Amino acid sequence: MLESKNCSTVRSDSPLNWYALHTRSRHEKRVAERLLSRSLETFLPLHRSRHTWKNGVHVDVDLPLFPGYLFARATVHDRICLLQHPGVLGFAASSARPTVIPDREISALRTATESLKAEPHPYLNNGDAVRIVAGPLVGMRGILMRRKQEYRVVLSIEAIMRSIVVEVSEFDIEPEGKAVNNLGAGLRVWRGGVNR
């Protein structure tokens, strides 16, 4: 069965997959509203943050959990339509094609944002240089390691060329140096067959 859509004719029996859309800065909500008005399923995870304006007023604001990204469910044929929406820069991709995000990951993310207090946190890879920002080792620098479900930081004493490993909470560390992409290492923006 064929359905007529605004930008093309697509097969309704094509499977729907979730994709991460890269949007212009601070356009996530507007893009999500536009896609919803076109009957495309979207998911924009938000978190509540308290901001203080210049006049001293405190306001609770809903901000995107992943700034610059939202999730849309579409068929392979709808991907071109998604790229034509104002504010959409491209797809998050780890190869030459947009990366499909499994339904179970979107479900887990929905559950976490609806029932738990989720907040943004810098993405950390095994082997990344980190700085400890809380606890008795505050200010120390090391290399992040993971053992099963625990975070560990290798601290080195260069003068004696020895290292120790300590267990830390993920909330007690931050990446050393520049900010890291929230969606993961290796993600590129895919825009109609061109990687950026």
C-alpha atoms as a PDB file:
ATOM      1  CA  MET A   1       0.000   0.000   0.000  1.00  0.00           C
ATOM      2  CA  LEU A   2       1.322   3.452  -0.898  1.00  0.00           C
ATOM      3  CA  GLU A   3       0.668   6.640   0.989  1.00  0.00           C
ATOM      4  CA  SER A   4       1.217  10.113  -0.355  1.00  0.00           C
ATOM      5  CA  LYS A   5       3.396  12.307   1.829  1.00  0.00           C
ATOM      6  CA  ASN A   6       4.431  15.931   1.347  1.00  0.00           C
ATOM      7  CA  CYS A   7       7.811  15.269  -0.202  1.00  0.00           C
ATOM      8  CA  SER A   8       7.479  11.805  -1.697  1.00  0.00           C
ATOM      9  CA  THR A   9       5.431   8.654  -2.070  1.00  0.00           C
ATOM     10  CA  VAL A  10       6.548   5.970   0.366  1.00  0.00           C
ATOM     11  CA  ARG A  11       5.602   2.392   1.091  1.00  0.00           C
ATOM     12  CA  SER A  12       3.693   2.067   4.340  1.00  0.00           C
ATOM     13  CA  ASP A  13       5.093  -1.460   4.864  1.00  0.00           C
ATOM     14  CA  SER A  14       8.667  -0.148   5.226  1.00  0.00           C
ATOM     15  CA  PRO A  15       9.974  -0.646   8.771  1.00  0.00           C
ATOM     16  CA  LEU A  16      10.137   2.359  11.070  1.00  0.00           C
ATOM     17  CA  ASN A  17      13.516   2.997  12.713  1.00  0.00           C
ATOM     18  CA  TRP A  18      14.716   5.577  15.213  1.00  0.00           C
ATOM     19  CA  TYR A  19      17.378   8.061  14.092  1.00  0.00           C
ATOM     20  CA  ALA A  20      19.173  10.840  15.970  1.00  0.00           C
ATOM     21  CA  LEU A  21      18.717  14.139  14.144  1.00  0.00           C
ATOM     22  CA  HIS A  22      21.351  16.839  14.536  1.00  0.00           C
ATOM     23  CA  THR A  23      19.622  20.236  14.754  1.00  0.00           C
ATOM     24  CA  ARG A  24      20.647  23.848  14.806  1.00  0.00           C
ATOM     25  CA  SER A  25      21.546  25.108  18.251  1.00  0.00           C
ATOM     26  CA  ARG A  26      18.467  25.796  20.405  1.00  0.00           C
ATOM     27  CA  HIS A  27      16.071  24.611  17.667  1.00  0.00           C
ATOM     28  CA  GLU A  28      15.339  21.146  19.089  1.00  0.00           C
ATOM     29  CA  LYS A  29      11.827  21.937  20.383  1.00  0.00           C
ATOM     30  CA  ARG A  30      10.808  23.809  17.238  1.00  0.00           C
ATOM     31  CA  VAL A  31      12.003  21.005  14.956  1.00  0.00           C
ATOM     32  CA  ALA A  32      10.182  18.418  17.112  1.00  0.00           C
ATOM     33  CA  GLU A  33       6.939  20.431  16.849  1.00  0.00           C
ATOM     34  CA  ARG A  34       7.271  20.680  13.056  1.00  0.00           C
ATOM     35  CA  LEU A  35       7.895  16.957  12.702  1.00  0.00           C
ATOM     36  CA  LEU A  36       4.916  16.154  14.948  1.00  0.00           C
ATOM     37  CA  SER A  37       2.701  18.394  12.823  1.00  0.00           C
ATOM     38  CA  ARG A  38       3.745  16.226   9.826  1.00  0.00           C
ATOM     39  CA  SER A  39       2.665  13.082  11.757  1.00  0.00           C
ATOM     40  CA  LEU A  40       6.240  11.867  12.316  1.00  0.00           C
ATOM     41  CA  GLU A  41       6.952  10.294  15.693  1.00  0.00           C
ATOM     42  CA  THR A  42       9.617  12.182  17.637  1.00  0.00           C
ATOM     43  CA  PHE A  43      11.226  11.948  21.040  1.00  0.00           C
ATOM     44  CA  LEU A  44      12.970  14.924  22.612  1.00  0.00           C
ATOM     45  CA  PRO A  45      14.264  13.965  26.072  1.00  0.00           C
ATOM     46  CA  LEU A  46      14.186  16.983  28.388  1.00  0.00           C
ATOM     47  CA  HIS A  47      15.517  17.748  31.839  1.00  0.00           C
ATOM     48  CA  ARG A  48      14.426  20.490  34.205  1.00  0.00           C
ATOM     49  CA  SER A  49      17.019  23.088  35.120  1.00  0.00           C
ATOM     50  CA  ARG A  50      16.755  26.117  37.382  1.00  0.00           C
ATOM     51  CA  HIS A  51      17.999  29.332  35.779  1.00  0.00           C
ATOM     52  CA  THR A  52      18.446  32.775  37.311  1.00  0.00           C
ATOM     53  CA  TRP A  53      17.705  35.681  34.989  1.00  0.00           C
ATOM     54  CA  LYS A  54      19.548  39.003  35.161  1.00  0.00           C
ATOM     55  CA  ASN A  55      16.759  40.522  37.257  1.00  0.00           C
ATOM     56  CA  GLY A  56      17.210  37.818  39.927  1.00  0.00           C
ATOM     57  CA  VAL A  57      14.098  35.803  39.080  1.00  0.00           C
ATOM     58  CA  HIS A  58      14.505  32.016  39.401  1.00  0.00           C
ATOM     59  CA  VAL A  59      12.783  30.013  36.668  1.00  0.00           C
ATOM     60  CA  ASP A  60      12.575  26.263  36.039  1.00  0.00           C
ATOM     61  CA  VAL A  61      13.263  25.614  32.362  1.00  0.00           C
ATOM     62  CA  ASP A  62      12.929  22.371  30.369  1.00  0.00           C
ATOM     63  CA  LEU A  63      16.118  21.917  28.331  1.00  0.00           C
ATOM     64  CA  PRO A  64      17.117  19.160  25.895  1.00  0.00           C
ATOM     65  CA  LEU A  65      19.010  16.338  27.573  1.00  0.00           C
ATOM     66  CA  PHE A  66      21.231  16.123  24.477  1.00  0.00           C
ATOM     67  CA  PRO A  67      21.645  19.691  23.171  1.00  0.00           C
ATOM     68  CA  GLY A  68      21.530  19.801  19.388  1.00  0.00           C
ATOM     69  CA  TYR A  69      19.862  16.386  18.998  1.00  0.00           C
ATOM     70  CA  LEU A  70      16.398  14.847  18.929  1.00  0.00           C
ATOM     71  CA  PHE A  71      15.126  11.427  17.903  1.00  0.00           C
ATOM     72  CA  ALA A  72      12.715  10.748  15.034  1.00  0.00           C
ATOM     73  CA  ARG A  73      11.113   7.514  13.893  1.00  0.00           C
ATOM     74  CA  ALA A  74      10.973   7.172  10.133  1.00  0.00           C
ATOM     75  CA  THR A  75      11.247   4.766   7.232  1.00  0.00           C
ATOM     76  CA  VAL A  76      14.275   4.638   4.969  1.00  0.00           C
ATOM     77  CA  HIS A  77      12.264   6.670   2.429  1.00  0.00           C
ATOM     78  CA  ASP A  78      11.346   9.388   4.976  1.00  0.00           C
ATOM     79  CA  ARG A  79      14.998  10.192   5.748  1.00  0.00           C
ATOM     80  CA  ILE A  80      15.245  12.626   2.826  1.00  0.00           C
ATOM     81  CA  CYS A  81      12.051  14.357   4.030  1.00  0.00           C
ATOM     82  CA  LEU A  82      13.598  14.779   7.487  1.00  0.00           C
ATOM     83  CA  LEU A  83      16.638  16.520   6.017  1.00  0.00           C
ATOM     84  CA  GLN A  84      14.401  19.070   4.263  1.00  0.00           C
ATOM     85  CA  HIS A  85      12.903  20.421   7.502  1.00  0.00           C
ATOM     86  CA  PRO A  86      14.171  23.820   8.612  1.00  0.00           C
ATOM     87  CA  GLY A  87      16.564  23.477  11.533  1.00  0.00           C
ATOM     88  CA  VAL A  88      17.641  19.894  10.720  1.00  0.00           C
ATOM     89  CA  LEU A  89      21.375  19.746   9.945  1.00  0.00           C
ATOM     90  CA  GLY A  90      21.689  16.005   9.405  1.00  0.00           C
ATOM     91  CA  PHE A  91      21.725  12.592  11.029  1.00  0.00           C
ATOM     92  CA  ALA A  92      24.091  11.256  13.672  1.00  0.00           C
ATOM     93  CA  ALA A  93      26.088   8.591  11.844  1.00  0.00           C
ATOM     94  CA  SER A  94      28.934   6.281  12.752  1.00  0.00           C
ATOM     95  CA  SER A  95      29.521   5.247   9.135  1.00  0.00           C
ATOM     96  CA  ALA A  96      28.490   6.408   5.679  1.00  0.00           C
ATOM     97  CA  ARG A  97      24.814   5.879   6.584  1.00  0.00           C
ATOM     98  CA  PRO A  98      22.665   7.268   9.400  1.00  0.00           C
ATOM     99  CA  THR A  99      22.875   5.098  12.501  1.00  0.00           C
ATOM    100  CA  VAL A 100      19.671   3.286  13.458  1.00  0.00           C
ATOM    101  CA  ILE A 101      19.022   3.517  17.190  1.00  0.00           C
ATOM    102  CA  PRO A 102      17.491   0.320  18.629  1.00  0.00           C
ATOM    103  CA  ASP A 103      13.952   0.563  20.047  1.00  0.00           C
ATOM    104  CA  ARG A 104      15.182  -0.798  23.405  1.00  0.00           C
ATOM    105  CA  GLU A 105      17.588   2.146  23.788  1.00  0.00           C
ATOM    106  CA  ILE A 106      14.817   4.664  23.094  1.00  0.00           C
ATOM    107  CA  SER A 107      12.545   2.796  25.573  1.00  0.00           C
ATOM    108  CA  ALA A 108      15.264   2.870  28.230  1.00  0.00           C
ATOM    109  CA  LEU A 109      15.854   6.561  27.601  1.00  0.00           C
ATOM    110  CA  ARG A 110      12.099   7.280  27.868  1.00  0.00           C
ATOM    111  CA  THR A 111      11.928   5.361  31.150  1.00  0.00           C
ATOM    112  CA  ALA A 112      14.960   7.177  32.556  1.00  0.00           C
ATOM    113  CA  THR A 113      13.643  10.643  31.664  1.00  0.00           C
ATOM    114  CA  GLU A 114      10.078   9.971  32.837  1.00  0.00           C
ATOM    115  CA  SER A 115      10.718   8.150  36.108  1.00  0.00           C
ATOM    116  CA  LEU A 116      14.211   9.266  37.138  1.00  0.00           C
ATOM    117  CA  LYS A 117      15.865  12.657  37.386  1.00  0.00           C
ATOM    118  CA  ALA A 118      18.161  12.503  34.365  1.00  0.00           C
ATOM    119  CA  GLU A 119      20.748  15.227  33.783  1.00  0.00           C
ATOM    120  CA  PRO A 120      23.338  15.693  31.030  1.00  0.00           C
ATOM    121  CA  HIS A 121      26.771  14.274  31.743  1.00  0.00           C
ATOM    122  CA  PRO A 122      29.869  14.387  29.539  1.00  0.00           C
ATOM    123  CA  TYR A 123      30.425  11.203  27.563  1.00  0.00           C
ATOM    124  CA  LEU A 124      33.444   9.282  28.805  1.00  0.00           C
ATOM    125  CA  ASN A 125      35.281   6.497  26.996  1.00  0.00           C
ATOM    126  CA  ASN A 126      37.494   3.876  28.493  1.00  0.00           C
ATOM    127  CA  GLY A 127      41.000   5.344  28.353  1.00  0.00           C
ATOM    128  CA  ASP A 128      39.934   9.019  28.454  1.00  0.00           C
ATOM    129  CA  ALA A 129      41.910  11.469  30.570  1.00  0.00           C
ATOM    130  CA  VAL A 130      39.709  12.614  33.477  1.00  0.00           C
ATOM    131  CA  ARG A 131      39.905  14.918  36.475  1.00  0.00           C
ATOM    132  CA  ILE A 132      38.365  14.038  39.843  1.00  0.00           C
ATOM    133  CA  VAL A 133      36.068  16.901  40.907  1.00  0.00           C
ATOM    134  CA  ALA A 134      34.614  15.605  44.193  1.00  0.00           C
ATOM    135  CA  GLY A 135      35.637  13.434  47.124  1.00  0.00           C
ATOM    136  CA  PRO A 136      38.946  12.999  48.920  1.00  0.00           C
ATOM    137  CA  LEU A 137      40.968  12.915  45.662  1.00  0.00           C
ATOM    138  CA  VAL A 138      39.590  16.167  44.252  1.00  0.00           C
ATOM    139  CA  GLY A 139      41.973  17.762  41.745  1.00  0.00           C
ATOM    140  CA  MET A 140      43.772  14.512  40.842  1.00  0.00           C
ATOM    141  CA  ARG A 141      44.094  13.572  37.169  1.00  0.00           C
ATOM    142  CA  GLY A 142      44.099  10.081  35.732  1.00  0.00           C
ATOM    143  CA  ILE A 143      42.921   7.672  33.043  1.00  0.00           C
ATOM    144  CA  LEU A 144      39.380   6.276  33.118  1.00  0.00           C
ATOM    145  CA  MET A 145      38.965   2.497  33.228  1.00  0.00           C
ATOM    146  CA  ARG A 146      35.930   0.312  33.631  1.00  0.00           C
ATOM    147  CA  ARG A 147      35.721  -3.046  35.344  1.00  0.00           C
ATOM    148  CA  LYS A 148      32.316  -4.655  35.014  1.00  0.00           C
ATOM    149  CA  GLN A 149      29.921  -1.902  36.120  1.00  0.00           C
ATOM    150  CA  GLU A 150      32.430   0.095  38.176  1.00  0.00           C
ATOM    151  CA  TYR A 151      34.343   3.203  37.163  1.00  0.00           C
ATOM    152  CA  ARG A 152      38.012   3.258  38.062  1.00  0.00           C
ATOM    153  CA  VAL A 153      40.651   5.904  37.583  1.00  0.00           C
ATOM    154  CA  VAL A 154      44.325   5.070  37.207  1.00  0.00           C
ATOM    155  CA  LEU A 155      46.412   7.641  39.086  1.00  0.00           C
ATOM    156  CA  SER A 156      50.105   7.784  38.258  1.00  0.00           C
ATOM    157  CA  ILE A 157      52.950   9.143  40.338  1.00  0.00           C
ATOM    158  CA  GLU A 158      55.482  10.057  37.688  1.00  0.00           C
ATOM    159  CA  ALA A 159      58.378  10.699  40.054  1.00  0.00           C
ATOM    160  CA  ILE A 160      58.480   7.032  41.112  1.00  0.00           C
ATOM    161  CA  MET A 161      56.873   5.643  37.935  1.00  0.00           C
ATOM    162  CA  ARG A 162      54.103   3.841  39.808  1.00  0.00           C
ATOM    163  CA  SER A 163      50.325   3.841  39.422  1.00  0.00           C
ATOM    164  CA  ILE A 164      47.329   2.963  41.517  1.00  0.00           C
ATOM    165  CA  VAL A 165      43.720   2.389  40.549  1.00  0.00           C
ATOM    166  CA  VAL A 166      40.839   3.784  42.618  1.00  0.00           C
ATOM    167  CA  GLU A 167      37.105   3.262  42.315  1.00  0.00           C
ATOM    168  CA  VAL A 168      35.127   6.465  41.815  1.00  0.00           C
ATOM    169  CA  SER A 169      31.564   7.489  41.172  1.00  0.00           C
ATOM    170  CA  GLU A 170      30.810   8.618  37.625  1.00  0.00           C
ATOM    171  CA  PHE A 171      29.581  11.889  39.138  1.00  0.00           C
ATOM    172  CA  ASP A 172      32.948  12.585  40.762  1.00  0.00           C
ATOM    173  CA  ILE A 173      34.848  12.792  37.456  1.00  0.00           C
ATOM    174  CA  GLU A 174      34.834  14.977  34.369  1.00  0.00           C
ATOM    175  CA  PRO A 175      36.739  14.828  31.096  1.00  0.00           C
ATOM    176  CA  GLU A 176      40.081  16.559  31.039  1.00  0.00           C
ATOM    177  CA  GLY A 177      40.309  19.390  28.520  1.00  0.00           C
ATOM    178  CA  LYS A 178      37.654  20.123  25.920  1.00  0.00           C
ATOM    179  CA  ALA A 179      34.006  19.060  26.069  1.00  0.00           C
ATOM    180  CA  VAL A 180      33.095  15.720  24.503  1.00  0.00           C
ATOM    181  CA  ASN A 181      30.022  14.939  22.328  1.00  0.00           C
ATOM    182  CA  ASN A 182      27.125  13.618  24.433  1.00  0.00           C
ATOM    183  CA  LEU A 183      25.969  11.021  21.920  1.00  0.00           C
ATOM    184  CA  GLY A 184      29.230   9.162  21.711  1.00  0.00           C
ATOM    185  CA  ALA A 185      32.592   8.950  20.164  1.00  0.00           C
ATOM    186  CA  GLY A 186      32.828   8.396  16.460  1.00  0.00           C
ATOM    187  CA  LEU A 187      29.527   9.994  15.569  1.00  0.00           C
ATOM    188  CA  ARG A 188      29.513  12.147  12.477  1.00  0.00           C
ATOM    189  CA  VAL A 189      26.819  14.231  10.882  1.00  0.00           C
ATOM    190  CA  TRP A 190      25.355  12.655   7.732  1.00  0.00           C
ATOM    191  CA  ARG A 191      23.629  14.985   5.286  1.00  0.00           C
ATOM    192  CA  GLY A 192      22.421  13.351   2.093  1.00  0.00           C
ATOM    193  CA  GLY A 193      25.468  11.133   1.530  1.00  0.00           C
ATOM    194  CA  VAL A 194      28.141  13.583   2.724  1.00  0.00           C
ATOM    195  CA  ASN A 195      29.909  12.988   6.055  1.00  0.00           C
ATOM    196  CA  ARG A 196      31.021  16.027   7.983  1.00  0.00           C
END
